[in-house]
Amino acid sequence: ETETLQKLYDLLEAKGFEARMEGVALLLDLCKNSPKLVAT
C-alpha cells in the first residue's frame, strides 16, 4: 500500500504530462479497487 501510494504521488507530481495523466488513471483505478486505501 505504501509503495502504491508513493507511485501515485510521484505520477501526480511528475514533470511530463503523460505521467501525470497516468497518475490520474491510477487514482481512478485505486478508487474502484481499493476505496478504503484512498479514503484513509
ModelCIF file with pLDDT and N, C-alpha, C, O atoms, coordinates in Angstrom:
data_MODEL
#
_entry.id   MODEL 
#
_entity.id                         1 
_entity.type                       polymer 
_entity.pdbx_number_of_molecules   1 
#
_entity_poly.entity_id                      1 
_entity_poly.type                           'polypeptide(L)' 
_entity_poly.nstd_linkage                   no 
_entity_poly.nstd_monomer                   no 
_entity_poly.pdbx_seq_one_letter_code       ETETLQKLYDLLEAKGFEARMEGVALLLDLCKNSPKLVAT 
_entity_poly.pdbx_seq_one_letter_code_can   ETETLQKLYDLLEAKGFEARMEGVALLLDLCKNSPKLVAT 
_entity_poly.pdbx_strand_id                 A 
#
loop_
_entity_poly_seq.entity_id 
_entity_poly_seq.num 
_entity_poly_seq.mon_id 
_entity_poly_seq.hetero 
1 1  GLU n 
1 2  THR n 
1 3  GLU n 
1 4  THR n 
1 5  LEU n 
1 6  GLN n 
1 7  LYS n 
1 8  LEU n 
1 9  TYR n 
1 10 ASP n 
1 11 LEU n 
1 12 LEU n 
1 13 GLU n 
1 14 ALA n 
1 15 LYS n 
1 16 GLY n 
1 17 PHE n 
1 18 GLU n 
1 19 ALA n 
1 20 ARG n 
1 21 MET n 
1 22 GLU n 
1 23 GLY n 
1 24 VAL n 
1 25 ALA n 
1 26 LEU n 
1 27 LEU n 
1 28 LEU n 
1 29 ASP n 
1 30 LEU n 
1 31 CYS n 
1 32 LYS n 
1 33 ASN n 
1 34 SER n 
1 35 PRO n 
1 36 LYS n 
1 37 LEU n 
1 38 VAL n 
1 39 ALA n 
1 40 THR n 
#
_struct_asym.id          A 
_struct_asym.entity_id   1 
#
loop_
_ma_qa_metric.id 
_ma_qa_metric.mode 
_ma_qa_metric.name 
_ma_qa_metric.software_group_id 
_ma_qa_metric.type 
1 global pLDDT . pLDDT 
2 local  pLDDT . pLDDT 
#
_ma_qa_metric_global.metric_id      1 
_ma_qa_metric_global.metric_value   97.25 
_ma_qa_metric_global.model_id       1 
_ma_qa_metric_global.ordinal_id     1 
#
loop_
_ma_qa_metric_local.label_asym_id 
_ma_qa_metric_local.label_comp_id 
_ma_qa_metric_local.label_seq_id 
_ma_qa_metric_local.metric_id 
_ma_qa_metric_local.metric_value 
_ma_qa_metric_local.model_id 
_ma_qa_metric_local.ordinal_id 
A GLU 1  2 94.00 1 1  
A THR 2  2 94.00 1 2  
A GLU 3  2 96.00 1 3  
A THR 4  2 96.00 1 4  
A LEU 5  2 97.00 1 5  
A GLN 6  2 97.00 1 6  
A LYS 7  2 98.00 1 7  
A LEU 8  2 98.00 1 8  
A TYR 9  2 98.00 1 9  
A ASP 10 2 98.00 1 10 
A LEU 11 2 98.00 1 11 
A LEU 12 2 98.00 1 12 
A GLU 13 2 97.00 1 13 
A ALA 14 2 97.00 1 14 
A LYS 15 2 97.00 1 15 
A GLY 16 2 97.00 1 16 
A PHE 17 2 98.00 1 17 
A GLU 18 2 98.00 1 18 
A ALA 19 2 98.00 1 19 
A ARG 20 2 98.00 1 20 
A MET 21 2 98.00 1 21 
A GLU 22 2 98.00 1 22 
A GLY 23 2 98.00 1 23 
A VAL 24 2 98.00 1 24 
A ALA 25 2 98.00 1 25 
A LEU 26 2 98.00 1 26 
A LEU 27 2 98.00 1 27 
A LEU 28 2 98.00 1 28 
A ASP 29 2 98.00 1 29 
A LEU 30 2 98.00 1 30 
A CYS 31 2 98.00 1 31 
A LYS 32 2 97.00 1 32 
A ASN 33 2 97.00 1 33 
A SER 34 2 96.00 1 34 
A PRO 35 2 96.00 1 35 
A LYS 36 2 96.00 1 36 
A LEU 37 2 97.00 1 37 
A VAL 38 2 97.00 1 38 
A ALA 39 2 97.00 1 39 
A THR 40 2 97.00 1 40 
#
loop_
_atom_site.group_PDB 
_atom_site.id 
_atom_site.type_symbol 
_atom_site.label_atom_id 
_atom_site.label_alt_id 
_atom_site.label_comp_id 
_atom_site.label_asym_id 
_atom_site.label_entity_id 
_atom_site.label_seq_id 
_atom_site.pdbx_PDB_ins_code 
_atom_site.Cartn_x 
_atom_site.Cartn_y 
_atom_site.Cartn_z 
_atom_site.occupancy 
_atom_site.B_iso_or_equiv 
_atom_site.pdbx_formal_charge 
_atom_site.auth_seq_id 
_atom_site.auth_comp_id 
_atom_site.auth_asym_id 
_atom_site.auth_atom_id 
_atom_site.pdbx_PDB_model_num 
ATOM 1   N N  . GLU A 1 1  ? 0.833   -1.206 0.000   1.00 94.00 ? 1  GLU A N  1 
ATOM 2   C CA . GLU A 1 1  ? 0.000   0.000  0.000   1.00 94.00 ? 1  GLU A CA 1 
ATOM 3   C C  . GLU A 1 1  ? 0.864   1.252  0.000   1.00 94.00 ? 1  GLU A C  1 
ATOM 4   O O  . GLU A 1 1  ? 0.601   2.203  -0.736  1.00 94.00 ? 1  GLU A O  1 
ATOM 5   N N  . THR A 1 2  ? 1.902   1.241  0.836   1.00 94.00 ? 2  THR A N  1 
ATOM 6   C CA . THR A 1 2  ? 2.798   2.392  0.902   1.00 94.00 ? 2  THR A CA 1 
ATOM 7   C C  . THR A 1 2  ? 3.445   2.636  -0.459  1.00 94.00 ? 2  THR A C  1 
ATOM 8   O O  . THR A 1 2  ? 3.553   3.774  -0.916  1.00 94.00 ? 2  THR A O  1 
ATOM 9   N N  . GLU A 1 3  ? 3.873   1.551  -1.093  1.00 96.00 ? 3  GLU A N  1 
ATOM 10  C CA . GLU A 1 3  ? 4.513   1.673  -2.407  1.00 96.00 ? 3  GLU A CA 1 
ATOM 11  C C  . GLU A 1 3  ? 3.530   2.193  -3.452  1.00 96.00 ? 3  GLU A C  1 
ATOM 12  O O  . GLU A 1 3  ? 3.872   3.038  -4.279  1.00 96.00 ? 3  GLU A O  1 
ATOM 13  N N  . THR A 1 4  ? 2.303   1.674  -3.404  1.00 96.00 ? 4  THR A N  1 
ATOM 14  C CA . THR A 1 4  ? 1.275   2.105  -4.355  1.00 96.00 ? 4  THR A CA 1 
ATOM 15  C C  . THR A 1 4  ? 1.009   3.601  -4.206  1.00 96.00 ? 4  THR A C  1 
ATOM 16  O O  . THR A 1 4  ? 0.939   4.333  -5.194  1.00 96.00 ? 4  THR A O  1 
ATOM 17  N N  . LEU A 1 5  ? 0.864   4.040  -2.964  1.00 97.00 ? 5  LEU A N  1 
ATOM 18  C CA . LEU A 1 5  ? 0.598   5.461  -2.717  1.00 97.00 ? 5  LEU A CA 1 
ATOM 19  C C  . LEU A 1 5  ? 1.771   6.319  -3.187  1.00 97.00 ? 5  LEU A C  1 
ATOM 20  O O  . LEU A 1 5  ? 1.575   7.380  -3.778  1.00 97.00 ? 5  LEU A O  1 
ATOM 21  N N  . GLN A 1 6  ? 2.987   5.853  -2.920  1.00 97.00 ? 6  GLN A N  1 
ATOM 22  C CA . GLN A 1 6  ? 4.157   6.617  -3.340  1.00 97.00 ? 6  GLN A CA 1 
ATOM 23  C C  . GLN A 1 6  ? 4.197   6.745  -4.862  1.00 97.00 ? 6  GLN A C  1 
ATOM 24  O O  . GLN A 1 6  ? 4.537   7.797  -5.403  1.00 97.00 ? 6  GLN A O  1 
ATOM 25  N N  . LYS A 1 7  ? 3.843   5.657  -5.537  1.00 98.00 ? 7  LYS A N  1 
ATOM 26  C CA . LYS A 1 7  ? 3.798   5.669  -7.002  1.00 98.00 ? 7  LYS A CA 1 
ATOM 27  C C  . LYS A 1 7  ? 2.757   6.699  -7.484  1.00 98.00 ? 7  LYS A C  1 
ATOM 28  O O  . LYS A 1 7  ? 2.989   7.455  -8.427  1.00 98.00 ? 7  LYS A O  1 
ATOM 29  N N  . LEU A 1 8  ? 1.614   6.695  -6.802  1.00 98.00 ? 8  LEU A N  1 
ATOM 30  C CA . LEU A 1 8  ? 0.542   7.636  -7.148  1.00 98.00 ? 8  LEU A CA 1 
ATOM 31  C C  . LEU A 1 8  ? 1.032   9.080  -7.004  1.00 98.00 ? 8  LEU A C  1 
ATOM 32  O O  . LEU A 1 8  ? 0.858   9.894  -7.911  1.00 98.00 ? 8  LEU A O  1 
ATOM 33  N N  . TYR A 1 9  ? 1.645   9.389  -5.856  1.00 98.00 ? 9  TYR A N  1 
ATOM 34  C CA . TYR A 1 9  ? 2.130   10.761 -5.628  1.00 98.00 ? 9  TYR A CA 1 
ATOM 35  C C  . TYR A 1 9  ? 3.175   11.151 -6.665  1.00 98.00 ? 9  TYR A C  1 
ATOM 36  O O  . TYR A 1 9  ? 3.148   12.257 -7.204  1.00 98.00 ? 9  TYR A O  1 
ATOM 37  N N  . ASP A 1 10 ? 4.100   10.225 -6.938  1.00 98.00 ? 10 ASP A N  1 
ATOM 38  C CA . ASP A 1 10 ? 5.162   10.527 -7.908  1.00 98.00 ? 10 ASP A CA 1 
ATOM 39  C C  . ASP A 1 10 ? 4.584   10.833 -9.285  1.00 98.00 ? 10 ASP A C  1 
ATOM 40  O O  . ASP A 1 10 ? 5.014   11.774 -9.952  1.00 98.00 ? 10 ASP A O  1 
ATOM 41  N N  . LEU A 1 11 ? 3.608   10.033 -9.703  1.00 98.00 ? 11 LEU A N  1 
ATOM 42  C CA . LEU A 1 11 ? 2.997   10.248 -11.018 1.00 98.00 ? 11 LEU A CA 1 
ATOM 43  C C  . LEU A 1 11 ? 2.220   11.570 -11.059 1.00 98.00 ? 11 LEU A C  1 
ATOM 44  O O  . LEU A 1 11 ? 2.333   12.338 -12.014 1.00 98.00 ? 11 LEU A O  1 
ATOM 45  N N  . LEU A 1 12 ? 1.429   11.823 -10.006 1.00 98.00 ? 12 LEU A N  1 
ATOM 46  C CA . LEU A 1 12 ? 0.626   13.051 -9.991  1.00 98.00 ? 12 LEU A CA 1 
ATOM 47  C C  . LEU A 1 12 ? 1.505   14.307 -9.986  1.00 98.00 ? 12 LEU A C  1 
ATOM 48  O O  . LEU A 1 12 ? 1.092   15.370 -10.450 1.00 98.00 ? 12 LEU A O  1 
ATOM 49  N N  . GLU A 1 13 ? 2.721   14.166 -9.453  1.00 97.00 ? 13 GLU A N  1 
ATOM 50  C CA . GLU A 1 13 ? 3.622   15.323 -9.375  1.00 97.00 ? 13 GLU A CA 1 
ATOM 51  C C  . GLU A 1 13 ? 4.634   15.346 -10.512 1.00 97.00 ? 13 GLU A C  1 
ATOM 52  O O  . GLU A 1 13 ? 5.509   16.212 -10.543 1.00 97.00 ? 13 GLU A O  1 
ATOM 53  N N  . ALA A 1 14 ? 4.526   14.402 -11.450 1.00 97.00 ? 14 ALA A N  1 
ATOM 54  C CA . ALA A 1 14 ? 5.554   14.245 -12.482 1.00 97.00 ? 14 ALA A CA 1 
ATOM 55  C C  . ALA A 1 14 ? 5.682   15.474 -13.386 1.00 97.00 ? 14 ALA A C  1 
ATOM 56  O O  . ALA A 1 14 ? 4.743   16.256 -13.531 1.00 97.00 ? 14 ALA A O  1 
ATOM 57  N N  . LYS A 1 15 ? 6.865   15.626 -13.992 1.00 97.00 ? 15 LYS A N  1 
ATOM 58  C CA . LYS A 1 15 ? 7.111   16.728 -14.928 1.00 97.00 ? 15 LYS A CA 1 
ATOM 59  C C  . LYS A 1 15 ? 6.338   16.533 -16.236 1.00 97.00 ? 15 LYS A C  1 
ATOM 60  O O  . LYS A 1 15 ? 5.713   17.465 -16.743 1.00 97.00 ? 15 LYS A O  1 
ATOM 61  N N  . GLY A 1 16 ? 6.389   15.313 -16.774 1.00 97.00 ? 16 GLY A N  1 
ATOM 62  C CA . GLY A 1 16 ? 5.754   15.065 -18.072 1.00 97.00 ? 16 GLY A CA 1 
ATOM 63  C C  . GLY A 1 16 ? 4.245   14.926 -17.941 1.00 97.00 ? 16 GLY A C  1 
ATOM 64  O O  . GLY A 1 16 ? 3.760   14.277 -17.015 1.00 97.00 ? 16 GLY A O  1 
ATOM 65  N N  . PHE A 1 17 ? 3.497   15.531 -18.862 1.00 98.00 ? 17 PHE A N  1 
ATOM 66  C CA . PHE A 1 17 ? 2.035   15.500 -18.727 1.00 98.00 ? 17 PHE A CA 1 
ATOM 67  C C  . PHE A 1 17 ? 1.461   14.092 -18.898 1.00 98.00 ? 17 PHE A C  1 
ATOM 68  O O  . PHE A 1 17 ? 0.425   13.769 -18.317 1.00 98.00 ? 17 PHE A O  1 
ATOM 69  N N  . GLU A 1 18 ? 2.141   13.244 -19.703 1.00 98.00 ? 18 GLU A N  1 
ATOM 70  C CA . GLU A 1 18 ? 1.640   11.860 -19.856 1.00 98.00 ? 18 GLU A CA 1 
ATOM 71  C C  . GLU A 1 18 ? 1.701   11.100 -18.530 1.00 98.00 ? 18 GLU A C  1 
ATOM 72  O O  . GLU A 1 18 ? 0.798   10.337 -18.188 1.00 98.00 ? 18 GLU A O  1 
ATOM 73  N N  . ALA A 1 19 ? 2.780   11.328 -17.802 1.00 98.00 ? 19 ALA A N  1 
ATOM 74  C CA . ALA A 1 19 ? 2.929   10.673 -16.495 1.00 98.00 ? 19 ALA A CA 1 
ATOM 75  C C  . ALA A 1 19 ? 1.848   11.169 -15.533 1.00 98.00 ? 19 ALA A C  1 
ATOM 76  O O  . ALA A 1 19 ? 1.297   10.392 -14.753 1.00 98.00 ? 19 ALA A O  1 
ATOM 77  N N  . ARG A 1 20 ? 1.553   12.463 -15.596 1.00 98.00 ? 20 ARG A N  1 
ATOM 78  C CA . ARG A 1 20 ? 0.501   12.999 -14.712 1.00 98.00 ? 20 ARG A CA 1 
ATOM 79  C C  . ARG A 1 20 ? -0.855  12.379 -15.064 1.00 98.00 ? 20 ARG A C  1 
ATOM 80  O O  . ARG A 1 20 ? -1.666  12.094 -14.183 1.00 98.00 ? 20 ARG A O  1 
ATOM 81  N N  . MET A 1 21 ? -1.090  12.176 -16.364 1.00 98.00 ? 21 MET A N  1 
ATOM 82  C CA . MET A 1 21 ? -2.345  11.530 -16.779 1.00 98.00 ? 21 MET A CA 1 
ATOM 83  C C  . MET A 1 21 ? -2.392  10.086 -16.276 1.00 98.00 ? 21 MET A C  1 
ATOM 84  O O  . MET A 1 21 ? -3.448  9.578  -15.899 1.00 98.00 ? 21 MET A O  1 
ATOM 85  N N  . GLU A 1 22 ? -1.233  9.442  -16.280 1.00 98.00 ? 22 GLU A N  1 
ATOM 86  C CA . GLU A 1 22 ? -1.143  8.083  -15.743 1.00 98.00 ? 22 GLU A CA 1 
ATOM 87  C C  . GLU A 1 22 ? -1.522  8.078  -14.263 1.00 98.00 ? 22 GLU A C  1 
ATOM 88  O O  . GLU A 1 22 ? -2.207  7.175  -13.782 1.00 98.00 ? 22 GLU A O  1 
ATOM 89  N N  . GLY A 1 23 ? -1.059  9.111  -13.555 1.00 98.00 ? 23 GLY A N  1 
ATOM 90  C CA . GLY A 1 23 ? -1.366  9.246  -12.132 1.00 98.00 ? 23 GLY A CA 1 
ATOM 91  C C  . GLY A 1 23 ? -2.860  9.390  -11.900 1.00 98.00 ? 23 GLY A C  1 
ATOM 92  O O  . GLY A 1 23 ? -3.417  8.795  -10.978 1.00 98.00 ? 23 GLY A O  1 
ATOM 93  N N  . VAL A 1 24 ? -3.505  10.187 -12.747 1.00 98.00 ? 24 VAL A N  1 
ATOM 94  C CA . VAL A 1 24 ? -4.954  10.381 -12.635 1.00 98.00 ? 24 VAL A CA 1 
ATOM 95  C C  . VAL A 1 24 ? -5.683  9.050  -12.881 1.00 98.00 ? 24 VAL A C  1 
ATOM 96  O O  . VAL A 1 24 ? -6.637  8.709  -12.181 1.00 98.00 ? 24 VAL A O  1 
ATOM 97  N N  . ALA A 1 25 ? -5.212  8.311  -13.889 1.00 98.00 ? 25 ALA A N  1 
ATOM 98  C CA . ALA A 1 25 ? -5.808  6.999  -14.203 1.00 98.00 ? 25 ALA A CA 1 
ATOM 99  C C  . ALA A 1 25 ? -5.607  6.016  -13.043 1.00 98.00 ? 25 ALA A C  1 
ATOM 100 O O  . ALA A 1 25 ? -6.500  5.235  -12.712 1.00 98.00 ? 25 ALA A O  1 
ATOM 101 N N  . LEU A 1 26 ? -4.418  6.071  -12.437 1.00 98.00 ? 26 LEU A N  1 
ATOM 102 C CA . LEU A 1 26 ? -4.125  5.187  -11.304 1.00 98.00 ? 26 LEU A CA 1 
ATOM 103 C C  . LEU A 1 26 ? -5.048  5.495  -10.132 1.00 98.00 ? 26 LEU A C  1 
ATOM 104 O O  . LEU A 1 26 ? -5.526  4.586  -9.453  1.00 98.00 ? 26 LEU A O  1 
ATOM 105 N N  . LEU A 1 27 ? -5.295  6.772  -9.899  1.00 98.00 ? 27 LEU A N  1 
ATOM 106 C CA . LEU A 1 27 ? -6.181  7.149  -8.800  1.00 98.00 ? 27 LEU A CA 1 
ATOM 107 C C  . LEU A 1 27 ? -7.586  6.572  -9.009  1.00 98.00 ? 27 LEU A C  1 
ATOM 108 O O  . LEU A 1 27 ? -8.192  6.039  -8.079  1.00 98.00 ? 27 LEU A O  1 
ATOM 109 N N  . LEU A 1 28 ? -8.090  6.684  -10.232 1.00 98.00 ? 28 LEU A N  1 
ATOM 110 C CA . LEU A 1 28 ? -9.423  6.134  -10.514 1.00 98.00 ? 28 LEU A CA 1 
ATOM 111 C C  . LEU A 1 28 ? -9.436  4.631  -10.267 1.00 98.00 ? 28 LEU A C  1 
ATOM 112 O O  . LEU A 1 28 ? -10.375 4.087  -9.684  1.00 98.00 ? 28 LEU A O  1 
ATOM 113 N N  . ASP A 1 29 ? -8.384  3.979  -10.718 1.00 98.00 ? 29 ASP A N  1 
ATOM 114 C CA . ASP A 1 29 ? -8.233  2.548  -10.535 1.00 98.00 ? 29 ASP A CA 1 
ATOM 115 C C  . ASP A 1 29 ? -8.252  2.175  -9.049  1.00 98.00 ? 29 ASP A C  1 
ATOM 116 O O  . ASP A 1 29 ? -8.915  1.218  -8.648  1.00 98.00 ? 29 ASP A O  1 
ATOM 117 N N  . LEU A 1 30 ? -7.524  2.936  -8.251  1.00 98.00 ? 30 LEU A N  1 
ATOM 118 C CA . LEU A 1 30 ? -7.478  2.682  -6.807  1.00 98.00 ? 30 LEU A CA 1 
ATOM 119 C C  . LEU A 1 30 ? -8.843  2.916  -6.157  1.00 98.00 ? 30 LEU A C  1 
ATOM 120 O O  . LEU A 1 30 ? -9.247  2.178  -5.258  1.00 98.00 ? 30 LEU A O  1 
ATOM 121 N N  . CYS A 1 31 ? -9.545  3.949  -6.621  1.00 98.00 ? 31 CYS A N  1 
ATOM 122 C CA . CYS A 1 31 ? -10.882 4.223  -6.064  1.00 98.00 ? 31 CYS A CA 1 
ATOM 123 C C  . CYS A 1 31 ? -11.813 3.047  -6.322  1.00 98.00 ? 31 CYS A C  1 
ATOM 124 O O  . CYS A 1 31 ? -12.641 2.696  -5.480  1.00 98.00 ? 31 CYS A O  1 
ATOM 125 N N  . LYS A 1 32 ? -11.666 2.442  -7.501  1.00 97.00 ? 32 LYS A N  1 
ATOM 126 C CA . LYS A 1 32 ? -12.538 1.313  -7.846  1.00 97.00 ? 32 LYS A CA 1 
ATOM 127 C C  . LYS A 1 32 ? -12.143 0.043  -7.087  1.00 97.00 ? 32 LYS A C  1 
ATOM 128 O O  . LYS A 1 32 ? -13.000 -0.728 -6.654  1.00 97.00 ? 32 LYS A O  1 
ATOM 129 N N  . ASN A 1 33 ? -10.837 -0.160 -6.934  1.00 97.00 ? 33 ASN A N  1 
ATOM 130 C CA . ASN A 1 33 ? -10.375 -1.441 -6.387  1.00 97.00 ? 33 ASN A CA 1 
ATOM 131 C C  . ASN A 1 33 ? -9.928  -1.403 -4.928  1.00 97.00 ? 33 ASN A C  1 
ATOM 132 O O  . ASN A 1 33 ? -9.971  -2.427 -4.246  1.00 97.00 ? 33 ASN A O  1 
ATOM 133 N N  . SER A 1 34 ? -9.505  -0.251 -4.446  1.00 96.00 ? 34 SER A N  1 
ATOM 134 C CA . SER A 1 34 ? -9.101  -0.129 -3.034  1.00 96.00 ? 34 SER A CA 1 
ATOM 135 C C  . SER A 1 34 ? -9.664  1.142  -2.419  1.00 96.00 ? 34 SER A C  1 
ATOM 136 O O  . SER A 1 34 ? -8.909  1.981  -1.927  1.00 96.00 ? 34 SER A O  1 
ATOM 137 N N  . PRO A 1 35 ? -11.007 1.294  -2.442  1.00 96.00 ? 35 PRO A N  1 
ATOM 138 C CA . PRO A 1 35 ? -11.593 2.554  -1.956  1.00 96.00 ? 35 PRO A CA 1 
ATOM 139 C C  . PRO A 1 35 ? -11.188 2.884  -0.517  1.00 96.00 ? 35 PRO A C  1 
ATOM 140 O O  . PRO A 1 35 ? -11.047 4.054  -0.161  1.00 96.00 ? 35 PRO A O  1 
ATOM 141 N N  . LYS A 1 36 ? -10.999 1.840  0.312   1.00 96.00 ? 36 LYS A N  1 
ATOM 142 C CA . LYS A 1 36 ? -10.618 2.081  1.715   1.00 96.00 ? 36 LYS A CA 1 
ATOM 143 C C  . LYS A 1 36 ? -9.261  2.761  1.816   1.00 96.00 ? 36 LYS A C  1 
ATOM 144 O O  . LYS A 1 36 ? -9.066  3.688  2.602   1.00 96.00 ? 36 LYS A O  1 
ATOM 145 N N  . LEU A 1 37 ? -8.329  2.278  0.999   1.00 97.00 ? 37 LEU A N  1 
ATOM 146 C CA . LEU A 1 37 ? -6.979  2.859  0.988   1.00 97.00 ? 37 LEU A CA 1 
ATOM 147 C C  . LEU A 1 37 ? -7.045  4.340  0.617   1.00 97.00 ? 37 LEU A C  1 
ATOM 148 O O  . LEU A 1 37 ? -6.404  5.179  1.251   1.00 97.00 ? 37 LEU A O  1 
ATOM 149 N N  . VAL A 1 38 ? -7.827  4.646  -0.416  1.00 97.00 ? 38 VAL A N  1 
ATOM 150 C CA . VAL A 1 38 ? -7.957  6.035  -0.859  1.00 97.00 ? 38 VAL A CA 1 
ATOM 151 C C  . VAL A 1 38 ? -8.618  6.877  0.232   1.00 97.00 ? 38 VAL A C  1 
ATOM 152 O O  . VAL A 1 38 ? -8.160  7.976  0.544   1.00 97.00 ? 38 VAL A O  1 
ATOM 153 N N  . ALA A 1 39 ? -9.706  6.345  0.810   1.00 97.00 ? 39 ALA A N  1 
ATOM 154 C CA . ALA A 1 39 ? -10.441 7.086  1.839   1.00 97.00 ? 39 ALA A CA 1 
ATOM 155 C C  . ALA A 1 39 ? -9.543  7.417  3.038   1.00 97.00 ? 39 ALA A C  1 
ATOM 156 O O  . ALA A 1 39 ? -9.601  8.519  3.584   1.00 97.00 ? 39 ALA A O  1 
ATOM 157 N N  . THR A 1 40 ? -8.714  6.445  3.438   1.00 97.00 ? 40 THR A N  1 
ATOM 158 C CA . THR A 1 40 ? -7.830  6.644  4.591   1.00 97.00 ? 40 THR A CA 1 
ATOM 159 C C  . THR A 1 40 ? -6.799  7.734  4.327   1.00 97.00 ? 40 THR A C  1 
ATOM 160 O O  . THR A 1 40 ? -5.976  8.029  5.195   1.00 97.00 ? 40 THR A O  1 
#
